[in-house]
């Protein structure tokens, strides 16, 4: 994922914080070199992507994001479910 950083504002920052996450954790999960990515869905012609990635503390997150102007814009993020955590931990095996 080649980006020039992240696009945070009050809305998306507040959304991830309401889910008990810190924006820095979400960035770590998206920058995780072992993350698993997939196409998610389109909204008004904008492609959304999903990723499972781990923070530096080992917390596995599910993140939905788009890319705008070379920057990642997080739409939502949450802790990964038990099934998603297994999938992340078994990747490449």
PDB file of N, CA and C in Angstrom:
ATOM      1  N   UNK A   1       0.857  -1.171   0.000  1.00  0.00           N
ATOM      2  CA  UNK A   1       0.000   0.000   0.000  1.00  0.00           C
ATOM      3  C   UNK A   1       0.897   1.225   0.000  1.00  0.00           C
ATOM      4  N   UNK A   2       0.982   1.905  -1.108  1.00  0.00           N
ATOM      5  CA  UNK A   2       1.784   3.109  -1.212  1.00  0.00           C
ATOM      6  C   UNK A   2       0.911   4.326  -0.943  1.00  0.00           C
ATOM      7  N   UNK A   3       1.142   4.981   0.177  1.00  0.00           N
ATOM      8  CA  UNK A   3       0.383   6.184   0.494  1.00  0.00           C
ATOM      9  C   UNK A   3       1.340   7.267   0.960  1.00  0.00           C
ATOM     10  N   UNK A   4       0.812   8.461   0.965  1.00  0.00           N
ATOM     11  CA  UNK A   4       1.573   9.601   1.474  1.00  0.00           C
ATOM     12  C   UNK A   4       1.120   9.944   2.884  1.00  0.00           C
ATOM     13  N   UNK A   5       0.469   9.015   3.538  1.00  0.00           N
ATOM     14  CA  UNK A   5       0.003   9.249   4.900  1.00  0.00           C
ATOM     15  C   UNK A   5      -1.475   8.937   5.038  1.00  0.00           C
ATOM     16  N   UNK A   6      -2.042   9.538   6.048  1.00  0.00           N
ATOM     17  CA  UNK A   6      -3.426   9.258   6.393  1.00  0.00           C
ATOM     18  C   UNK A   6      -4.241  10.540   6.400  1.00  0.00           C
ATOM     19  N   UNK A   7      -5.504  10.399   6.059  1.00  0.00           N
ATOM     20  CA  UNK A   7      -6.452  11.518   6.017  1.00  0.00           C
ATOM     21  C   UNK A   7      -7.409  11.372   7.195  1.00  0.00           C
ATOM     22  N   UNK A   8      -7.132  12.081   8.279  1.00  0.00           N
ATOM     23  CA  UNK A   8      -7.971  12.050   9.465  1.00  0.00           C
ATOM     24  C   UNK A   8      -8.691  13.383   9.616  1.00  0.00           C
ATOM     25  N   UNK A   9      -9.934  13.312  10.043  1.00  0.00           N
ATOM     26  CA  UNK A   9     -10.665  14.506  10.442  1.00  0.00           C
ATOM     27  C   UNK A   9     -11.495  14.137  11.660  1.00  0.00           C
ATOM     28  N   UNK A  10     -12.269  15.072  12.151  1.00  0.00           N
ATOM     29  CA  UNK A  10     -13.058  14.843  13.360  1.00  0.00           C
ATOM     30  C   UNK A  10     -14.009  13.652  13.202  1.00  0.00           C
ATOM     31  N   UNK A  11     -14.590  13.498  12.021  1.00  0.00           N
ATOM     32  CA  UNK A  11     -15.586  12.438  11.806  1.00  0.00           C
ATOM     33  C   UNK A  11     -14.971  11.045  11.879  1.00  0.00           C
ATOM     34  N   UNK A  12     -13.941  10.780  11.076  1.00  0.00           N
ATOM     35  CA  UNK A  12     -13.409   9.418  11.084  1.00  0.00           C
ATOM     36  C   UNK A  12     -12.583   9.135  12.342  1.00  0.00           C
ATOM     37  N   UNK A  13     -11.938  10.149  12.898  1.00  0.00           N
ATOM     38  CA  UNK A  13     -11.209   9.971  14.159  1.00  0.00           C
ATOM     39  C   UNK A  13     -12.201   9.613  15.273  1.00  0.00           C
ATOM     40  N   UNK A  14     -13.318  10.333  15.332  1.00  0.00           N
ATOM     41  CA  UNK A  14     -14.334  10.063  16.344  1.00  0.00           C
ATOM     42  C   UNK A  14     -14.945   8.684  16.193  1.00  0.00           C
ATOM     43  N   UNK A  15     -15.108   8.242  14.951  1.00  0.00           N
ATOM     44  CA  UNK A  15     -15.710   6.933  14.699  1.00  0.00           C
ATOM     45  C   UNK A  15     -14.824   5.807  15.225  1.00  0.00           C
ATOM     46  N   UNK A  16     -13.531   5.871  14.956  1.00  0.00           N
ATOM     47  CA  UNK A  16     -12.658   4.798  15.442  1.00  0.00           C
ATOM     48  C   UNK A  16     -12.502   4.875  16.965  1.00  0.00           C
ATOM     49  N   UNK A  17     -12.494   6.082  17.511  1.00  0.00           N
ATOM     50  CA  UNK A  17     -12.395   6.221  18.961  1.00  0.00           C
ATOM     51  C   UNK A  17     -13.646   5.679  19.649  1.00  0.00           C
ATOM     52  N   UNK A  18     -14.811   5.835  19.017  1.00  0.00           N
ATOM     53  CA  UNK A  18     -16.053   5.281  19.563  1.00  0.00           C
ATOM     54  C   UNK A  18     -16.001   3.754  19.604  1.00  0.00           C
ATOM     55  N   UNK A  19     -15.174   3.159  18.748  1.00  0.00           N
ATOM     56  CA  UNK A  19     -14.990   1.705  18.738  1.00  0.00           C
ATOM     57  C   UNK A  19     -13.843   1.278  19.654  1.00  0.00           C
ATOM     58  N   UNK A  20     -13.368   2.198  20.492  1.00  0.00           N
ATOM     59  CA  UNK A  20     -12.326   1.873  21.461  1.00  0.00           C
ATOM     60  C   UNK A  20     -10.922   1.820  20.904  1.00  0.00           C
ATOM     61  N   UNK A  21     -10.721   2.464  19.750  1.00  0.00           N
ATOM     62  CA  UNK A  21      -9.407   2.448  19.102  1.00  0.00           C
ATOM     63  C   UNK A  21      -8.801   3.834  19.062  1.00  0.00           C
ATOM     64  N   UNK A  22      -7.504   3.869  18.992  1.00  0.00           N
ATOM     65  CA  UNK A  22      -6.767   5.108  18.796  1.00  0.00           C
ATOM     66  C   UNK A  22      -6.357   5.170  17.319  1.00  0.00           C
ATOM     67  N   UNK A  23      -6.462   6.335  16.683  1.00  0.00           N
ATOM     68  CA  UNK A  23      -6.047   6.424  15.282  1.00  0.00           C
ATOM     69  C   UNK A  23      -4.631   5.898  15.022  1.00  0.00           C
ATOM     70  N   UNK A  24      -3.723   6.070  15.963  1.00  0.00           N
ATOM     71  CA  UNK A  24      -2.356   5.565  15.776  1.00  0.00           C
ATOM     72  C   UNK A  24      -2.343   4.039  15.661  1.00  0.00           C
ATOM     73  N   UNK A  25      -3.207   3.354  16.422  1.00  0.00           N
ATOM     74  CA  UNK A  25      -3.300   1.895  16.323  1.00  0.00           C
ATOM     75  C   UNK A  25      -3.789   1.474  14.947  1.00  0.00           C
ATOM     76  N   UNK A  26      -4.777   2.207  14.428  1.00  0.00           N
ATOM     77  CA  UNK A  26      -5.334   1.895  13.114  1.00  0.00           C
ATOM     78  C   UNK A  26      -4.255   2.072  12.042  1.00  0.00           C
ATOM     79  N   UNK A  27      -3.477   3.126  12.150  1.00  0.00           N
ATOM     80  CA  UNK A  27      -2.381   3.340  11.201  1.00  0.00           C
ATOM     81  C   UNK A  27      -1.386   2.189  11.271  1.00  0.00           C
ATOM     82  N   UNK A  28      -1.050   1.742  12.477  1.00  0.00           N
ATOM     83  CA  UNK A  28      -0.120   0.617  12.623  1.00  0.00           C
ATOM     84  C   UNK A  28      -0.653  -0.629  11.929  1.00  0.00           C
ATOM     85  N   UNK A  29      -1.950  -0.897  12.095  1.00  0.00           N
ATOM     86  CA  UNK A  29      -2.548  -2.079  11.470  1.00  0.00           C
ATOM     87  C   UNK A  29      -2.489  -1.979   9.950  1.00  0.00           C
ATOM     88  N   UNK A  30      -2.740  -0.784   9.399  1.00  0.00           N
ATOM     89  CA  UNK A  30      -2.691  -0.622   7.942  1.00  0.00           C
ATOM     90  C   UNK A  30      -1.267  -0.662   7.403  1.00  0.00           C
ATOM     91  N   UNK A  31      -0.304  -0.307   8.212  1.00  0.00           N
ATOM     92  CA  UNK A  31       1.091  -0.332   7.788  1.00  0.00           C
ATOM     93  C   UNK A  31       1.767  -1.671   8.069  1.00  0.00           C
ATOM     94  N   UNK A  32       1.061  -2.578   8.723  1.00  0.00           N
ATOM     95  CA  UNK A  32       1.589  -3.899   9.040  1.00  0.00           C
ATOM     96  C   UNK A  32       1.990  -4.609   7.742  1.00  0.00           C
ATOM     97  N   UNK A  33       3.261  -4.956   7.567  1.00  0.00           N
ATOM     98  CA  UNK A  33       3.685  -5.621   6.332  1.00  0.00           C
ATOM     99  C   UNK A  33       3.039  -6.997   6.133  1.00  0.00           C
ATOM    100  N   UNK A  34       2.508  -7.589   7.198  1.00  0.00           N
ATOM    101  CA  UNK A  34       1.861  -8.899   7.100  1.00  0.00           C
ATOM    102  C   UNK A  34       0.339  -8.791   6.992  1.00  0.00           C
ATOM    103  N   UNK A  35      -0.179  -7.582   6.795  1.00  0.00           N
ATOM    104  CA  UNK A  35      -1.637  -7.407   6.738  1.00  0.00           C
ATOM    105  C   UNK A  35      -2.228  -8.189   5.567  1.00  0.00           C
ATOM    106  N   UNK A  36      -3.505  -8.482   5.699  1.00  0.00           N
ATOM    107  CA  UNK A  36      -4.266  -9.142   4.644  1.00  0.00           C
ATOM    108  C   UNK A  36      -5.244  -8.108   4.112  1.00  0.00           C
ATOM    109  N   UNK A  37      -5.238  -7.888   2.817  1.00  0.00           N
ATOM    110  CA  UNK A  37      -6.137  -6.894   2.226  1.00  0.00           C
ATOM    111  C   UNK A  37      -7.102  -7.519   1.239  1.00  0.00           C
ATOM    112  N   UNK A  38      -8.225  -6.818   1.036  1.00  0.00           N
ATOM    113  CA  UNK A  38      -9.229  -7.286   0.077  1.00  0.00           C
ATOM    114  C   UNK A  38     -10.101  -6.118  -0.345  1.00  0.00           C
ATOM    115  N   UNK A  39     -10.672  -6.230  -1.526  1.00  0.00           N
ATOM    116  CA  UNK A  39     -11.646  -5.252  -1.977  1.00  0.00           C
ATOM    117  C   UNK A  39     -12.879  -5.388  -1.098  1.00  0.00           C
ATOM    118  N   UNK A  40     -13.470  -4.284  -0.697  1.00  0.00           N
ATOM    119  CA  UNK A  40     -14.643  -4.340   0.175  1.00  0.00           C
ATOM    120  C   UNK A  40     -15.911  -4.033  -0.608  1.00  0.00           C
ATOM    121  N   UNK A  41     -16.103  -2.787  -1.005  1.00  0.00           N
ATOM    122  CA  UNK A  41     -17.318  -2.382  -1.709  1.00  0.00           C
ATOM    123  C   UNK A  41     -17.112  -0.982  -2.277  1.00  0.00           C
ATOM    124  N   UNK A  42     -18.044  -0.542  -3.091  1.00  0.00           N
ATOM    125  CA  UNK A  42     -18.011   0.809  -3.645  1.00  0.00           C
ATOM    126  C   UNK A  42     -19.107   1.648  -3.014  1.00  0.00           C
ATOM    127  N   UNK A  43     -18.809   2.910  -2.764  1.00  0.00           N
ATOM    128  CA  UNK A  43     -19.802   3.864  -2.296  1.00  0.00           C
ATOM    129  C   UNK A  43     -19.674   5.092  -3.175  1.00  0.00           C
ATOM    130  N   UNK A  44     -20.750   5.397  -3.906  1.00  0.00           N
ATOM    131  CA  UNK A  44     -20.766   6.568  -4.793  1.00  0.00           C
ATOM    132  C   UNK A  44     -19.533   6.594  -5.698  1.00  0.00           C
ATOM    133  N   UNK A  45     -19.166   5.428  -6.225  1.00  0.00           N
ATOM    134  CA  UNK A  45     -18.045   5.339  -7.150  1.00  0.00           C
ATOM    135  C   UNK A  45     -16.672   5.294  -6.492  1.00  0.00           C
ATOM    136  N   UNK A  46     -16.607   5.343  -5.174  1.00  0.00           N
ATOM    137  CA  UNK A  46     -15.321   5.282  -4.472  1.00  0.00           C
ATOM    138  C   UNK A  46     -15.084   3.864  -3.969  1.00  0.00           C
ATOM    139  N   UNK A  47     -13.965   3.271  -4.351  1.00  0.00           N
ATOM    140  CA  UNK A  47     -13.620   1.920  -3.919  1.00  0.00           C
ATOM    141  C   UNK A  47     -13.208   1.933  -2.457  1.00  0.00           C
ATOM    142  N   UNK A  48     -13.766   1.040  -1.696  1.00  0.00           N
ATOM    143  CA  UNK A  48     -13.382   0.842  -0.299  1.00  0.00           C
ATOM    144  C   UNK A  48     -12.627  -0.478  -0.211  1.00  0.00           C
ATOM    145  N   UNK A  49     -11.676  -0.516   0.679  1.00  0.00           N
ATOM    146  CA  UNK A  49     -10.834  -1.694   0.876  1.00  0.00           C
ATOM    147  C   UNK A  49     -10.932  -2.127   2.329  1.00  0.00           C
ATOM    148  N   UNK A  50     -10.711  -3.399   2.566  1.00  0.00           N
ATOM    149  CA  UNK A  50     -10.692  -3.941   3.921  1.00  0.00           C
ATOM    150  C   UNK A  50      -9.315  -4.532   4.185  1.00  0.00           C
ATOM    151  N   UNK A  51      -8.885  -4.464   5.430  1.00  0.00           N
ATOM    152  CA  UNK A  51      -7.590  -5.039   5.796  1.00  0.00           C
ATOM    153  C   UNK A  51      -7.659  -5.601   7.206  1.00  0.00           C
ATOM    154  N   UNK A  52      -6.960  -6.684   7.407  1.00  0.00           N
ATOM    155  CA  UNK A  52      -6.700  -7.227   8.730  1.00  0.00           C
ATOM    156  C   UNK A  52      -5.222  -6.987   8.991  1.00  0.00           C
ATOM    157  N   UNK A  53      -4.925  -6.303  10.069  1.00  0.00           N
ATOM    158  CA  UNK A  53      -3.535  -6.026  10.395  1.00  0.00           C
ATOM    159  C   UNK A  53      -3.340  -5.947  11.893  1.00  0.00           C
ATOM    160  N   UNK A  54      -2.101  -6.039  12.306  1.00  0.00           N
ATOM    161  CA  UNK A  54      -1.767  -6.051  13.723  1.00  0.00           C
ATOM    162  C   UNK A  54      -1.084  -4.751  14.136  1.00  0.00           C
ATOM    163  N   UNK A  55      -1.363  -4.336  15.360  1.00  0.00           N
ATOM    164  CA  UNK A  55      -0.691  -3.170  15.927  1.00  0.00           C
ATOM    165  C   UNK A  55       0.644  -3.617  16.515  1.00  0.00           C
ATOM    166  N   UNK A  56       1.455  -2.672  16.941  1.00  0.00           N
ATOM    167  CA  UNK A  56       2.735  -2.998  17.570  1.00  0.00           C
ATOM    168  C   UNK A  56       2.530  -3.802  18.851  1.00  0.00           C
ATOM    169  N   UNK A  57       1.366  -3.612  19.504  1.00  0.00           N
ATOM    170  CA  UNK A  57       1.057  -4.340  20.735  1.00  0.00           C
ATOM    171  C   UNK A  57       0.438  -5.707  20.455  1.00  0.00           C
ATOM    172  N   UNK A  58       0.234  -6.058  19.172  1.00  0.00           N
ATOM    173  CA  UNK A  58      -0.313  -7.359  18.817  1.00  0.00           C
ATOM    174  C   UNK A  58      -1.828  -7.401  18.712  1.00  0.00           C
ATOM    175  N   UNK A  59      -2.480  -6.270  18.785  1.00  0.00           N
ATOM    176  CA  UNK A  59      -3.938  -6.197  18.650  1.00  0.00           C
ATOM    177  C   UNK A  59      -4.284  -6.299  17.164  1.00  0.00           C
ATOM    178  N   UNK A  60      -5.116  -7.271  16.776  1.00  0.00           N
ATOM    179  CA  UNK A  60      -5.484  -7.460  15.374  1.00  0.00           C
ATOM    180  C   UNK A  60      -6.755  -6.648  15.110  1.00  0.00           C
ATOM    181  N   UNK A  61      -6.691  -5.803  14.084  1.00  0.00           N
ATOM    182  CA  UNK A  61      -7.808  -4.922  13.745  1.00  0.00           C
ATOM    183  C   UNK A  61      -8.335  -5.211  12.351  1.00  0.00           C
ATOM    184  N   UNK A  62      -9.632  -4.976  12.181  1.00  0.00           N
ATOM    185  CA  UNK A  62     -10.294  -5.004  10.881  1.00  0.00           C
ATOM    186  C   UNK A  62     -10.536  -3.550  10.515  1.00  0.00           C
ATOM    187  N   UNK A  63     -10.015  -3.120   9.372  1.00  0.00           N
ATOM    188  CA  UNK A  63     -10.086  -1.711   8.970  1.00  0.00           C
ATOM    189  C   UNK A  63     -10.672  -1.611   7.568  1.00  0.00           C
ATOM    190  N   UNK A  64     -11.639  -0.706   7.391  1.00  0.00           N
ATOM    191  CA  UNK A  64     -12.167  -0.382   6.068  1.00  0.00           C
ATOM    192  C   UNK A  64     -11.674   1.027   5.746  1.00  0.00           C
ATOM    193  N   UNK A  65     -11.124   1.195   4.540  1.00  0.00           N
ATOM    194  CA  UNK A  65     -10.541   2.475   4.169  1.00  0.00           C
ATOM    195  C   UNK A  65     -10.669   2.703   2.673  1.00  0.00           C
ATOM    196  N   UNK A  66     -10.467   3.940   2.271  1.00  0.00           N
ATOM    197  CA  UNK A  66     -10.380   4.293   0.859  1.00  0.00           C
ATOM    198  C   UNK A  66      -9.065   5.030   0.658  1.00  0.00           C
ATOM    199  N   UNK A  67      -8.732   5.273  -0.579  1.00  0.00           N
ATOM    200  CA  UNK A  67      -7.531   6.042  -0.879  1.00  0.00           C
ATOM    201  C   UNK A  67      -7.954   7.285  -1.650  1.00  0.00           C
ATOM    202  N   UNK A  68      -7.572   8.440  -1.133  1.00  0.00           N
ATOM    203  CA  UNK A  68      -7.906   9.711  -1.768  1.00  0.00           C
ATOM    204  C   UNK A  68      -6.633  10.538  -1.905  1.00  0.00           C
ATOM    205  N   UNK A  69      -6.312  10.888  -3.119  1.00  0.00           N
ATOM    206  CA  UNK A  69      -5.137  11.725  -3.332  1.00  0.00           C
ATOM    207  C   UNK A  69      -3.862  11.132  -2.762  1.00  0.00           C
ATOM    208  N   UNK A  70      -3.727   9.799  -2.828  1.00  0.00           N
ATOM    209  CA  UNK A  70      -2.523   9.154  -2.331  1.00  0.00           C
ATOM    210  C   UNK A  70      -2.489   8.951  -0.828  1.00  0.00           C
ATOM    211  N   UNK A  71      -3.574   9.307  -0.145  1.00  0.00           N
ATOM    212  CA  UNK A  71      -3.629   9.152   1.312  1.00  0.00           C
ATOM    213  C   UNK A  71      -4.708   8.153   1.686  1.00  0.00           C
ATOM    214  N   UNK A  72      -4.461   7.375   2.727  1.00  0.00           N
ATOM    215  CA  UNK A  72      -5.450   6.419   3.220  1.00  0.00           C
ATOM    216  C   UNK A  72      -6.431   7.146   4.126  1.00  0.00           C
ATOM    217  N   UNK A  73      -7.718   6.983   3.821  1.00  0.00           N
ATOM    218  CA  UNK A  73      -8.765   7.568   4.653  1.00  0.00           C
ATOM    219  C   UNK A  73      -9.552   6.433   5.282  1.00  0.00           C
ATOM    220  N   UNK A  74      -9.429   6.295   6.587  1.00  0.00           N
ATOM    221  CA  UNK A  74     -10.116   5.232   7.316  1.00  0.00           C
ATOM    222  C   UNK A  74     -11.601   5.550   7.368  1.00  0.00           C
ATOM    223  N   UNK A  75     -12.417   4.580   7.001  1.00  0.00           N
ATOM    224  CA  UNK A  75     -13.871   4.715   7.068  1.00  0.00           C
ATOM    225  C   UNK A  75     -14.353   4.199   8.415  1.00  0.00           C
ATOM    226  N   UNK A  76     -13.870   3.012   8.791  1.00  0.00           N
ATOM    227  CA  UNK A  76     -14.209   2.422  10.079  1.00  0.00           C
ATOM    228  C   UNK A  76     -13.132   1.426  10.471  1.00  0.00           C
ATOM    229  N   UNK A  77     -13.071   1.124  11.731  1.00  0.00           N
ATOM    230  CA  UNK A  77     -12.119   0.128  12.239  1.00  0.00           C
ATOM    231  C   UNK A  77     -12.687  -0.446  13.528  1.00  0.00           C
ATOM    232  N   UNK A  78     -12.331  -1.702  13.758  1.00  0.00           N
ATOM    233  CA  UNK A  78     -12.787  -2.387  14.970  1.00  0.00           C
ATOM    234  C   UNK A  78     -11.816  -3.513  15.275  1.00  0.00           C
ATOM    235  N   UNK A  79     -11.953  -4.067  16.482  1.00  0.00           N
ATOM    236  CA  UNK A  79     -11.181  -5.261  16.799  1.00  0.00           C
ATOM    237  C   UNK A  79     -11.631  -6.388  15.883  1.00  0.00           C
ATOM    238  N   UNK A  80     -10.695  -7.208  15.458  1.00  0.00           N
ATOM    239  CA  UNK A  80     -11.019  -8.353  14.624  1.00  0.00           C
ATOM    240  C   UNK A  80     -11.805  -9.375  15.447  1.00  0.00           C
ATOM    241  N   UNK A  81     -12.699 -10.083  14.774  1.00  0.00           N
ATOM    242  CA  UNK A  81     -13.421 -11.169  15.426  1.00  0.00           C
ATOM    243  C   UNK A  81     -12.468 -12.342  15.635  1.00  0.00           C
ATOM    244  N   UNK A  82     -12.891 -13.327  16.397  1.00  0.00           N
ATOM    245  CA  UNK A  82     -12.053 -14.507  16.631  1.00  0.00           C
ATOM    246  C   UNK A  82     -11.708 -15.202  15.312  1.00  0.00           C
ATOM    247  N   UNK A  83     -12.679 -15.301  14.407  1.00  0.00           N
ATOM    248  CA  UNK A  83     -12.449 -15.922  13.102  1.00  0.00           C
ATOM    249  C   UNK A  83     -11.434 -15.122  12.293  1.00  0.00           C
ATOM    250  N   UNK A  84     -11.571 -13.799  12.297  1.00  0.00           N
ATOM    251  CA  UNK A  84     -10.632 -12.940  11.563  1.00  0.00           C
ATOM    252  C   UNK A  84      -9.232 -13.039  12.148  1.00  0.00           C
ATOM    253  N   UNK A  85      -9.128 -13.111  13.465  1.00  0.00           N
ATOM    254  CA  UNK A  85      -7.816 -13.254  14.106  1.00  0.00           C
ATOM    255  C   UNK A  85      -7.150 -14.563  13.686  1.00  0.00           C
ATOM    256  N   UNK A  86      -7.923 -15.648  13.645  1.00  0.00           N
ATOM    257  CA  UNK A  86      -7.364 -16.936  13.187  1.00  0.00           C
ATOM    258  C   UNK A  86      -6.879 -16.821  11.760  1.00  0.00           C
ATOM    259  N   UNK A  87      -7.697 -16.208  10.905  1.00  0.00           N
ATOM    260  CA  UNK A  87      -7.305 -16.034   9.499  1.00  0.00           C
ATOM    261  C   UNK A  87      -6.004 -15.244   9.392  1.00  0.00           C
ATOM    262  N   UNK A  88      -5.896 -14.166  10.147  1.00  0.00           N
ATOM    263  CA  UNK A  88      -4.682 -13.347  10.135  1.00  0.00           C
ATOM    264  C   UNK A  88      -3.475 -14.170  10.595  1.00  0.00           C
ATOM    265  N   UNK A  89      -3.642 -14.889  11.670  1.00  0.00           N
ATOM    266  CA  UNK A  89      -2.514 -15.640  12.239  1.00  0.00           C
ATOM    267  C   UNK A  89      -2.104 -16.837  11.372  1.00  0.00           C
ATOM    268  N   UNK A  90      -3.027 -17.355  10.559  1.00  0.00           N
ATOM    269  CA  UNK A  90      -2.734 -18.507   9.704  1.00  0.00           C
ATOM    270  C   UNK A  90      -2.312 -18.100   8.300  1.00  0.00           C
ATOM    271  N   UNK A  91      -2.268 -16.821   7.993  1.00  0.00           N
ATOM    272  CA  UNK A  91      -1.943 -16.370   6.636  1.00  0.00           C
ATOM    273  C   UNK A  91      -0.637 -16.989   6.168  1.00  0.00           C
ATOM    274  N   UNK A  92      -0.624 -17.378   4.943  1.00  0.00           N
ATOM    275  CA  UNK A  92       0.590 -17.902   4.339  1.00  0.00           C
ATOM    276  C   UNK A  92       0.972 -19.310   4.776  1.00  0.00           C
ATOM    277  N   UNK A  93       0.138 -19.968   5.559  1.00  0.00           N
ATOM    278  CA  UNK A  93       0.489 -21.319   6.031  1.00  0.00           C
ATOM    279  C   UNK A  93      -0.213 -22.351   5.202  1.00  0.00           C
TER     280      UNK A  93
END
